[in-house]
């Protein structure tokens, strides 16, 4: 097996006695996942010392390039006997491993399926650990990762954020959920098991597009002769194998049939389950400022939204929702800045991402503007007629109008009355006085 490790022991700098010992090692490598592995590769590191180690400013050397590590979940310090994962794409990692809640760093690398050497450097630029692997070591698209066991690798079921497996895995055993002793011979196993079995995927389920859908198979009876092989087809052109329990992300809404065939050396069983995939209609509906800032999300979908590992970004800062965060259908929740640590300004761009990295909704925050005095509505000024003008108009309206049968003397009398009324109501002057005098002289 072509493999070697170089472990560099790190000491915390202290002039006092009792200095703690800390050692960071590359503990697990997932370099070739089932199906398309672009952006889905990851590396696990382990602190075997008795003190925490801060990874701020550390680098990962791969293909001759030193890649930066950016914290995405948790903090930068790995506690004693603790783990951290470095992912090529944290959104895709969270989609593959929605239950992972440990320290997660984002980086940018592409692990070779043929094998290569990788190396960790601390903030001072010193080499901390080096590991190399080859495709002959295992984990080549079979669902296994390479895990450190002593001074060598073993290929086993991935264990991100947990202790490594103790033995290599070829296929997943389909025996009852209880482990059997390694020294039990095959004849004894067959005597306590059966060759015929059935499998069930449970009832119809509804999930959101872009979020992980969990599939669990149940084999009956629990004890089956020999190993079981699992062949999945998720109905959207993708497949999986050798996993009794798995997750899958549907990119588009629709009605799908997930199919599972379980095979042993002597028999096989088959089951299907309908999966209804709906659009992820979760949007940013409000942004609060002031003493209690918040970002409000509203679920407009017809099903409850599992926000586990969704990411909320405000400018360059981000917050990943922890596992088990749910938003009921048709409801809204305000997530306070005291919890998310996001502090949007009046012109911040807020973006909500699915675990797959696809943006669901975005909004530009705008604080409410104060109402200026110039913007207040003022009542219109209406000019009312003077009392004298009103009296004059009323008097003129009440006068009888001359008709065609009215005689000249009567008409003259009416015009004189109009003129007199006008003079009585408001003493004319200037042009109006001359006009009244002219009319009076004509008809008098």
Protein backbone atom coordinates (compact mmCIF):
# COMPACT_ATOMS: atom_id res chain seq x y z
CA UNK A 1 0.00 0.00 0.00
CA UNK A 2 1.57 3.25 -1.10
CA UNK A 3 1.03 5.55 1.85
CA UNK A 4 2.97 7.53 4.35
CA UNK A 5 2.24 10.01 7.12
CA UNK A 6 4.40 12.74 8.57
CA UNK A 7 3.00 13.96 11.87
CA UNK A 8 4.43 17.13 13.34
CA UNK A 9 3.84 17.68 17.03
CA UNK A 10 2.75 21.18 17.97
CA UNK A 11 3.43 22.77 21.34
CA UNK A 12 1.53 25.75 22.66
CA UNK A 13 3.92 28.60 23.42
CA UNK A 14 4.14 29.18 27.15
CA UNK A 15 6.86 30.03 29.62
CA UNK A 16 4.96 28.36 32.44
CA UNK A 17 5.25 24.68 33.40
CA UNK A 18 2.48 22.31 32.33
CA UNK A 19 2.53 23.34 28.65
CA UNK A 20 -0.25 21.44 26.81
CA UNK A 21 0.52 19.14 23.91
CA UNK A 22 -1.57 19.30 20.72
CA UNK A 23 -1.20 17.37 17.47
CA UNK A 24 -3.23 17.94 14.29
CA UNK A 25 -3.36 15.12 11.74
CA UNK A 26 -5.11 14.48 8.45
CA UNK A 27 -7.47 11.77 9.60
CA UNK A 28 -9.88 11.01 6.74
CA UNK A 29 -9.99 11.70 3.00
CA UNK A 30 -13.09 11.55 0.79
CA UNK A 31 -11.59 11.95 -2.68
CA UNK A 32 -14.00 10.08 -5.00
CA UNK A 33 -17.71 10.03 -4.15
CA UNK A 34 -20.37 8.03 -5.90
CA UNK A 35 -21.62 9.76 -9.06
CA UNK A 36 -20.41 13.27 -9.81
CA UNK A 37 -17.92 14.31 -7.13
CA UNK A 38 -17.19 17.87 -8.31
CA UNK A 39 -17.26 20.14 -5.26
CA UNK A 40 -18.21 17.24 -2.94
CA UNK A 41 -14.72 16.21 -1.80
CA UNK A 42 -13.63 16.77 1.78
CA UNK A 43 -10.86 16.11 4.30
CA UNK A 44 -11.23 15.50 8.03
CA UNK A 45 -8.56 16.59 10.52
CA UNK A 46 -8.22 15.44 14.12
CA UNK A 47 -6.67 17.01 17.24
CA UNK A 48 -5.14 14.17 19.23
CA UNK A 49 -3.62 16.47 21.85
CA UNK A 50 -4.85 17.66 25.22
CA UNK A 51 -5.28 21.32 24.25
CA UNK A 52 -7.30 23.22 21.67
CA UNK A 53 -5.69 24.40 18.42
CA UNK A 54 -6.73 27.55 16.55
CA UNK A 55 -6.64 27.06 12.76
CA UNK A 56 -6.87 30.76 11.90
CA UNK A 57 -4.52 31.48 9.02
CA UNK A 58 -3.79 27.80 8.26
CA UNK A 59 -3.37 26.55 4.68
CA UNK A 60 -3.97 23.29 2.82
CA UNK A 61 -1.39 22.41 0.16
CA UNK A 62 -2.86 20.45 -2.76
CA UNK A 63 -1.57 20.20 -6.34
CA UNK A 64 1.17 22.66 -5.49
CA UNK A 65 -1.26 25.38 -4.30
CA UNK A 66 -1.73 26.57 -0.70
CA UNK A 67 -5.48 26.95 -0.24
CA UNK A 68 -6.93 29.18 2.49
CA UNK A 69 -9.34 27.85 5.13
CA UNK A 70 -12.47 29.90 5.82
CA UNK A 71 -14.66 29.00 8.78
CA UNK A 72 -18.30 28.35 7.81
CA UNK A 73 -19.69 26.53 10.84
CA UNK A 74 -18.55 26.54 14.45
CA UNK A 75 -15.33 28.32 15.41
CA UNK A 76 -11.71 28.11 14.28
CA UNK A 77 -10.44 26.32 17.41
CA UNK A 78 -10.50 22.51 17.46
CA UNK A 79 -10.79 21.20 21.04
CA UNK A 80 -8.74 18.34 22.39
CA UNK A 81 -9.81 15.05 20.77
CA UNK A 82 -11.98 17.07 18.40
CA UNK A 83 -12.56 16.96 14.66
CA UNK A 84 -13.02 19.44 11.83
CA UNK A 85 -13.89 19.02 8.17
CA UNK A 86 -12.33 20.97 5.30
CA UNK A 87 -14.70 20.89 2.30
CA UNK A 88 -14.21 21.96 -1.28
CA UNK A 89 -17.80 23.27 -1.25
CA UNK A 90 -19.48 23.55 2.15
CA UNK A 91 -22.97 23.83 0.66
CA UNK A 92 -22.59 20.55 -1.21
CA UNK A 93 -21.00 18.90 1.82
CA UNK A 94 -23.98 19.96 3.95
CA UNK A 95 -26.33 18.54 1.33
CA UNK A 96 -24.50 15.18 1.42
CA UNK A 97 -24.18 15.19 5.21
CA UNK A 98 -27.14 17.17 6.62
CA UNK A 99 -26.67 15.65 10.07
CA UNK A 100 -23.13 17.00 10.44
CA UNK A 101 -23.01 19.78 13.03
CA UNK A 102 -19.29 20.05 13.76
CA UNK A 103 -16.57 22.52 12.77
CA UNK A 104 -16.63 23.13 9.02
CA UNK A 105 -14.05 25.01 6.93
CA UNK A 106 -14.52 26.07 3.32
CA UNK A 107 -11.60 25.83 0.90
CA UNK A 108 -10.97 25.27 -2.82
CA UNK A 109 -9.32 22.07 -4.02
CA UNK A 110 -9.87 19.13 -6.36
CA UNK A 111 -8.48 15.83 -5.05
CA UNK A 112 -7.12 13.55 -7.75
CA UNK A 113 -8.84 10.19 -8.22
CA UNK A 114 -5.46 8.74 -9.14
CA UNK A 115 -3.87 9.76 -5.82
CA UNK A 116 -1.70 12.63 -4.59
CA UNK A 117 -0.04 14.16 -1.51
CA UNK A 118 -1.69 16.84 0.64
CA UNK A 119 -0.15 18.90 3.43
CA UNK A 120 -1.27 21.20 6.25
CA UNK A 121 0.57 24.42 7.17
CA UNK A 122 -0.03 26.52 10.28
CA UNK A 123 -0.30 30.31 10.39
CA UNK A 124 3.48 30.60 10.74
CA UNK A 125 3.96 28.71 7.48
CA UNK A 126 5.33 25.56 9.11
CA UNK A 127 4.30 22.10 7.92
CA UNK A 128 2.04 20.35 10.43
CA UNK A 129 1.03 17.10 8.71
CA UNK A 130 1.42 15.41 5.33
CA UNK A 131 -0.51 12.48 3.88
CA UNK A 132 -0.51 10.76 0.50
CA UNK A 133 -2.89 8.23 -1.02
CA UNK A 134 -3.35 6.19 -4.20
CA UNK A 135 -6.47 4.78 -5.86
CA UNK A 136 -5.30 1.27 -4.97
CA UNK A 137 -5.85 2.17 -1.31
CA UNK A 138 -9.62 2.07 -1.87
CA UNK A 139 -12.44 4.59 -1.79
CA UNK A 140 -12.59 4.86 -5.58
CA UNK A 141 -16.26 5.75 -6.16
CA UNK A 142 -17.53 2.89 -3.98
CA UNK A 143 -19.03 5.04 -1.20
CA UNK A 144 -16.01 4.54 1.10
CA UNK A 145 -13.53 7.10 2.39
CA UNK A 146 -9.89 6.57 3.32
CA UNK A 147 -9.44 6.60 7.09
CA UNK A 148 -6.31 6.61 9.17
CA UNK A 149 -5.70 3.40 11.11
CA UNK A 150 -2.31 3.39 12.72
CA UNK A 151 0.24 4.18 10.02
CA UNK A 152 -1.96 3.19 7.08
CA UNK A 153 -5.31 3.83 5.40
CA UNK A 154 -8.38 1.65 5.41
CA UNK A 155 -11.41 2.09 3.13
CA UNK A 156 -14.61 2.25 5.17
CA UNK A 157 -17.98 3.97 5.43
CA UNK A 158 -17.40 7.73 5.88
CA UNK A 159 -17.39 9.10 9.45
CA UNK A 160 -17.12 12.91 9.21
CA UNK A 161 -16.80 14.41 12.70
CA UNK A 162 -16.63 11.01 14.41
CA UNK A 163 -14.16 8.24 15.24
CA UNK A 164 -12.79 6.28 12.31
CA UNK A 165 -13.93 2.77 11.51
CA UNK A 166 -11.96 -0.08 13.05
CA UNK A 167 -12.04 -2.30 9.97
CA UNK A 168 -12.27 -1.96 6.21
CA UNK A 169 -15.67 -2.25 4.51
CA UNK A 170 -16.38 -3.95 1.22
CA UNK A 171 -20.20 -3.91 1.14
CA UNK A 172 -22.76 -3.05 3.78
CA UNK A 173 -23.81 -6.06 5.77
CA UNK A 174 -27.52 -6.75 5.65
CA UNK A 175 -27.73 -8.79 8.81
CA UNK A 176 -29.84 -7.70 11.75
CA UNK A 177 -29.01 -4.38 13.28
CA UNK A 178 -26.88 -6.18 15.88
CA UNK A 179 -23.17 -6.70 15.18
CA UNK A 180 -22.00 -10.30 14.87
CA UNK A 181 -18.74 -11.61 16.24
CA UNK A 182 -15.85 -11.66 13.77
CA UNK A 183 -14.92 -15.20 14.74
CA UNK A 184 -18.37 -16.62 13.87
CA UNK A 185 -17.99 -18.88 10.86
CA UNK A 186 -20.25 -18.62 7.80
CA UNK A 187 -22.04 -21.91 8.53
CA UNK A 188 -23.16 -20.69 11.96
CA UNK A 189 -24.45 -17.45 10.41
CA UNK A 190 -26.51 -19.28 7.82
CA UNK A 191 -28.01 -21.58 10.41
CA UNK A 192 -29.45 -18.56 12.26
CA UNK A 193 -30.60 -16.61 9.21
CA UNK A 194 -32.94 -16.93 6.22
CA UNK A 195 -32.44 -16.44 2.50
CA UNK A 196 -35.85 -14.92 1.61
CA UNK A 197 -36.66 -11.36 2.68
CA UNK A 198 -38.67 -8.24 1.82
CA UNK A 199 -37.73 -4.56 1.82
CA UNK A 200 -39.82 -1.45 2.53
CA UNK A 201 -39.15 2.25 1.89
CA UNK A 202 -42.09 3.48 3.96
CA UNK A 203 -44.85 5.88 2.93
CA UNK A 204 -45.08 8.71 0.39
CA UNK A 205 -43.13 11.82 1.39
CA UNK A 206 -42.94 15.49 0.41
CA UNK A 207 -39.69 17.45 0.30
CA UNK A 208 -38.49 20.79 -1.02
CA UNK A 209 -36.42 21.08 -4.16
CA UNK A 210 -32.76 21.61 -3.36
CA UNK A 211 -32.96 20.07 0.12
CA UNK A 212 -31.83 16.57 1.18
CA UNK A 213 -34.50 13.86 1.13
CA UNK A 214 -33.80 11.03 3.58
CA UNK A 215 -34.41 7.43 2.46
CA UNK A 216 -34.38 4.55 4.95
CA UNK A 217 -34.90 0.94 3.98
CA UNK A 218 -36.24 -1.77 6.28
CA UNK A 219 -35.38 -5.38 5.53
CA UNK A 220 -37.67 -8.09 6.97
CA UNK A 221 -36.75 -10.38 8.66
CA UNK A 222 -33.78 -8.71 10.28
CA UNK A 223 -31.55 -11.74 9.92
CA UNK A 224 -30.64 -12.47 6.29
CA UNK A 225 -28.03 -14.93 5.03
CA UNK A 226 -24.85 -13.25 3.86
CA UNK A 227 -24.19 -9.71 2.71
CA UNK A 228 -26.80 -7.44 1.14
CA UNK A 229 -26.22 -5.12 -1.83
CA UNK A 230 -28.33 -1.96 -2.19
CA UNK A 231 -29.09 -0.45 -5.63
CA UNK A 232 -30.91 2.90 -5.54
CA UNK A 233 -32.59 4.81 -8.38
CA UNK A 234 -34.08 8.15 -7.37
CA UNK A 235 -36.25 8.75 -10.43
CA UNK A 236 -34.38 11.82 -11.73
CA UNK A 237 -31.60 9.95 -13.53
CA UNK A 238 -29.31 9.54 -10.52
CA UNK A 239 -28.42 6.32 -8.73
CA UNK A 240 -26.67 5.13 -5.57
CA UNK A 241 -25.47 1.87 -4.11
CA UNK A 242 -24.31 -0.05 -1.05
CA UNK A 243 -26.17 2.13 1.47
CA UNK A 244 -29.06 0.96 3.60
CA UNK A 245 -29.84 4.59 4.47
CA UNK A 246 -29.07 7.51 2.16
CA UNK A 247 -30.02 11.06 1.21
CA UNK A 248 -30.71 12.59 -2.18
CA UNK A 249 -31.28 16.16 -3.41
CA UNK A 250 -33.89 16.77 -6.10
CA UNK A 251 -33.13 19.93 -8.05
CA UNK A 252 -36.58 20.52 -9.56
CA UNK A 253 -40.20 20.17 -8.36
CA UNK A 254 -42.18 17.19 -9.57
CA UNK A 255 -43.53 13.75 -8.68
CA UNK A 256 -40.77 11.12 -8.53
CA UNK A 257 -40.60 7.39 -7.84
CA UNK A 258 -37.58 6.33 -5.78
CA UNK A 259 -36.68 2.70 -6.39
CA UNK A 260 -34.59 0.27 -4.32
CA UNK A 261 -33.48 -3.25 -5.11
CA UNK A 262 -31.75 -5.24 -2.37
CA UNK A 263 -29.82 -8.33 -3.41
CA UNK A 264 -28.17 -11.18 -1.57
CA UNK A 265 -26.40 -14.14 -3.11
CA UNK A 266 -29.59 -16.16 -2.99
CA UNK A 267 -32.48 -13.71 -3.36
CA UNK A 268 -33.55 -10.13 -4.02
CA UNK A 269 -36.32 -7.75 -2.95
CA UNK A 270 -37.67 -4.54 -4.41
CA UNK A 271 -39.75 -1.53 -3.34
CA UNK A 272 -40.70 1.96 -4.53
CA UNK A 273 -41.86 5.13 -2.80
CA UNK A 274 -43.46 8.24 -4.27
CA UNK A 275 -41.65 11.51 -3.59
CA UNK A 276 -43.47 14.81 -4.10
CA UNK A 277 -40.97 17.63 -4.58
CA UNK A 278 -42.29 21.18 -4.19
CA UNK A 279 -40.69 24.54 -4.88
CA UNK A 280 -38.74 26.03 -1.97
CA UNK A 281 -40.86 29.15 -1.49
CA UNK A 282 -39.07 30.60 1.51
CA UNK A 283 -38.42 34.32 1.27
CA UNK A 284 -36.89 37.18 3.22
CA UNK A 285 -39.91 39.28 4.16
CA UNK A 286 -38.59 41.83 6.64
CA UNK A 287 -35.35 43.26 8.01
CA UNK A 288 -35.33 44.96 11.39
CA UNK A 289 -32.95 47.67 12.54
CA UNK A 290 -32.43 49.59 15.74
CA UNK A 291 -31.85 48.09 19.17
CA UNK A 292 -33.25 44.65 18.23
CA UNK A 293 -32.23 43.92 14.63
CA UNK A 294 -33.47 40.76 12.91
CA UNK A 295 -34.08 39.06 9.56
CA UNK A 296 -37.54 37.60 9.02
CA UNK A 297 -38.17 34.52 6.86
CA UNK A 298 -41.59 33.41 5.62
CA UNK A 299 -42.44 29.93 4.33
CA UNK A 300 -44.97 30.26 1.51
CA UNK A 301 -44.67 26.58 0.58
CA UNK A 302 -47.34 23.97 1.20
CA UNK A 303 -45.06 21.89 3.48
CA UNK A 304 -42.89 22.61 6.49
CA UNK A 305 -39.38 23.77 5.55
CA UNK A 306 -36.36 22.01 7.04
CA UNK A 307 -33.82 24.85 7.24
CA UNK A 308 -30.99 22.58 8.42
CA UNK A 309 -27.74 23.78 6.82
CA UNK A 310 -29.44 26.55 4.82
CA UNK A 311 -27.20 29.61 4.64
CA UNK A 312 -28.17 33.24 5.20
CA UNK A 313 -25.70 35.87 3.97
CA UNK A 314 -25.59 39.59 4.72
CA UNK A 315 -22.90 41.18 2.56
CA UNK A 316 -19.82 39.01 3.27
CA UNK A 317 -20.97 37.52 6.59
CA UNK A 318 -22.94 34.27 6.67
CA UNK A 319 -24.94 32.14 9.08
CA UNK A 320 -25.69 28.42 8.64
CA UNK A 321 -28.90 27.21 10.29
CA UNK A 322 -28.21 24.32 12.67
CA UNK A 323 -29.69 20.88 12.15
CA UNK A 324 -33.27 20.57 13.33
CA UNK A 325 -34.33 24.13 12.39
CA UNK A 326 -37.85 24.04 10.94
CA UNK A 327 -40.20 26.71 9.57
CA UNK A 328 -43.87 25.73 9.43
CA UNK A 329 -45.81 26.11 6.21
CA UNK A 330 -47.43 29.55 5.96
CA UNK A 331 -45.62 30.97 8.98
CA UNK A 332 -42.88 33.54 9.61
CA UNK A 333 -39.99 33.64 12.07
CA UNK A 334 -37.75 36.56 13.00
CA UNK A 335 -34.13 35.44 13.48
CA UNK A 336 -32.40 37.97 15.76
CA UNK A 337 -28.94 39.33 14.99
CA UNK A 338 -27.91 38.40 18.53
CA UNK A 339 -28.15 34.78 17.38
CA UNK A 340 -27.13 34.92 13.71
CA UNK A 341 -24.40 37.56 14.25
CA UNK A 342 -25.54 39.19 11.00
CA UNK A 343 -25.71 42.97 11.12
CA UNK A 344 -27.27 44.27 7.89
CA UNK A 345 -26.92 47.97 7.13
CA UNK A 346 -29.40 50.17 5.28
CA UNK A 347 -27.96 49.03 1.92
CA UNK A 348 -27.01 45.40 2.63
CA UNK A 349 -27.72 42.58 0.18
CA UNK A 350 -29.36 39.68 2.07
CA UNK A 351 -29.33 36.29 0.30
CA UNK A 352 -30.83 32.95 1.39
CA UNK A 353 -29.15 29.79 0.04
CA UNK A 354 -30.20 26.14 -0.03
CA UNK A 355 -27.74 23.54 1.33
CA UNK A 356 -26.87 22.79 -2.31
CA UNK A 357 -25.62 26.36 -2.72
CA UNK A 358 -28.55 27.51 -4.89
CA UNK A 359 -29.93 30.96 -3.96
CA UNK A 360 -33.60 30.88 -2.96
CA UNK A 361 -34.35 34.53 -2.30
CA UNK A 362 -32.58 37.87 -1.92
CA UNK A 363 -33.44 41.32 -0.70
CA UNK A 364 -31.74 44.70 -0.37
CA UNK A 365 -32.31 46.10 3.09
CA UNK A 366 -33.61 49.64 3.43
CA UNK A 367 -34.21 51.37 6.75
CA UNK A 368 -37.48 53.37 7.03
CA UNK A 369 -36.89 57.06 6.27
CA UNK A 370 -38.19 59.75 8.71
CA UNK A 371 -41.04 61.91 7.36
CA UNK A 372 -39.71 65.41 6.67
CA UNK A 373 -41.77 68.53 7.32
CA UNK A 374 -41.73 69.35 3.61
CA UNK A 375 -43.38 65.98 2.93
CA UNK A 376 -46.37 66.62 5.20
CA UNK A 377 -49.69 67.26 3.52
CA UNK A 378 -50.97 70.80 4.02
CA UNK A 379 -54.63 71.82 3.54
CA UNK A 380 -55.36 73.79 0.39
CA UNK A 381 -56.07 77.51 0.90
CA UNK A 382 -59.54 78.24 -0.49
CA UNK A 383 -60.35 81.92 -1.18
CA UNK A 384 -63.87 82.62 0.01
CA UNK A 385 -65.84 85.56 -1.41
CA UNK A 386 -66.18 88.63 0.77
CA UNK A 387 -69.43 89.29 2.56
CA UNK A 388 -70.18 92.29 0.35
CA UNK A 389 -69.57 90.36 -2.87
CA UNK A 390 -71.84 87.55 -1.69
CA UNK A 391 -74.60 90.00 -0.84
CA UNK A 392 -74.34 91.70 -4.21
CA UNK A 393 -74.49 88.43 -6.15
CA UNK A 394 -77.55 87.33 -4.19
CA UNK A 395 -79.31 90.59 -4.84
CA UNK A 396 -78.66 90.42 -8.57
CA UNK A 397 -79.90 86.81 -8.79
CA UNK A 398 -83.20 87.78 -7.10
CA UNK A 399 -84.00 90.52 -9.61
CA UNK A 400 -86.63 89.67 -12.29
CA UNK A 401 -85.22 89.28 -15.78
CA UNK A 402 -86.58 91.31 -18.72
CA UNK A 403 -88.52 89.29 -21.24
CA UNK A 404 -89.33 89.92 -24.90
CA UNK A 405 -92.74 91.38 -23.91
CA UNK A 406 -91.28 93.81 -21.43
CA UNK A 407 -91.86 97.44 -22.47
CA UNK A 408 -89.00 99.92 -22.82
CA UNK A 409 -89.94 101.90 -19.71
CA UNK A 410 -90.12 98.64 -17.67
CA UNK A 411 -86.73 97.51 -19.01
CA UNK A 412 -85.22 100.84 -18.17
CA UNK A 413 -86.60 100.58 -14.66
CA UNK A 414 -85.11 97.08 -14.20
CA UNK A 415 -81.64 98.19 -15.43
CA UNK A 416 -81.77 101.18 -13.15
CA UNK A 417 -82.67 98.86 -10.26
CA UNK A 418 -79.70 96.60 -11.07
CA UNK A 419 -77.38 99.57 -11.18
CA UNK A 420 -78.78 100.93 -7.96
CA UNK A 421 -78.44 97.58 -6.25
CA UNK A 422 -74.82 97.35 -7.37
CA UNK A 423 -74.11 100.81 -6.07
CA UNK A 424 -75.88 99.99 -2.81
CA UNK A 425 -74.05 96.71 -2.26
CA UNK A 426 -70.58 97.93 -3.03
CA UNK A 427 -69.65 101.46 -3.97
CA UNK A 428 -68.08 101.13 -7.44
CA UNK A 429 -64.98 102.94 -8.48
CA UNK A 430 -62.88 103.32 -11.60
CA UNK A 431 -63.93 101.26 -14.61
CA UNK A 432 -67.03 99.75 -13.00
CA UNK A 433 -68.34 103.19 -12.00
CA UNK A 434 -67.97 104.49 -15.57
CA UNK A 435 -69.70 101.40 -17.00
CA UNK A 436 -72.69 101.76 -14.71
CA UNK A 437 -73.00 105.45 -15.55
CA UNK A 438 -72.90 104.64 -19.31
CA UNK A 439 -75.69 102.07 -19.03
CA UNK A 440 -77.80 104.39 -16.93
CA UNK A 441 -77.57 107.18 -19.51
CA UNK A 442 -78.57 104.88 -22.39
CA UNK A 443 -81.74 103.52 -20.78
CA UNK A 444 -82.80 106.60 -18.82
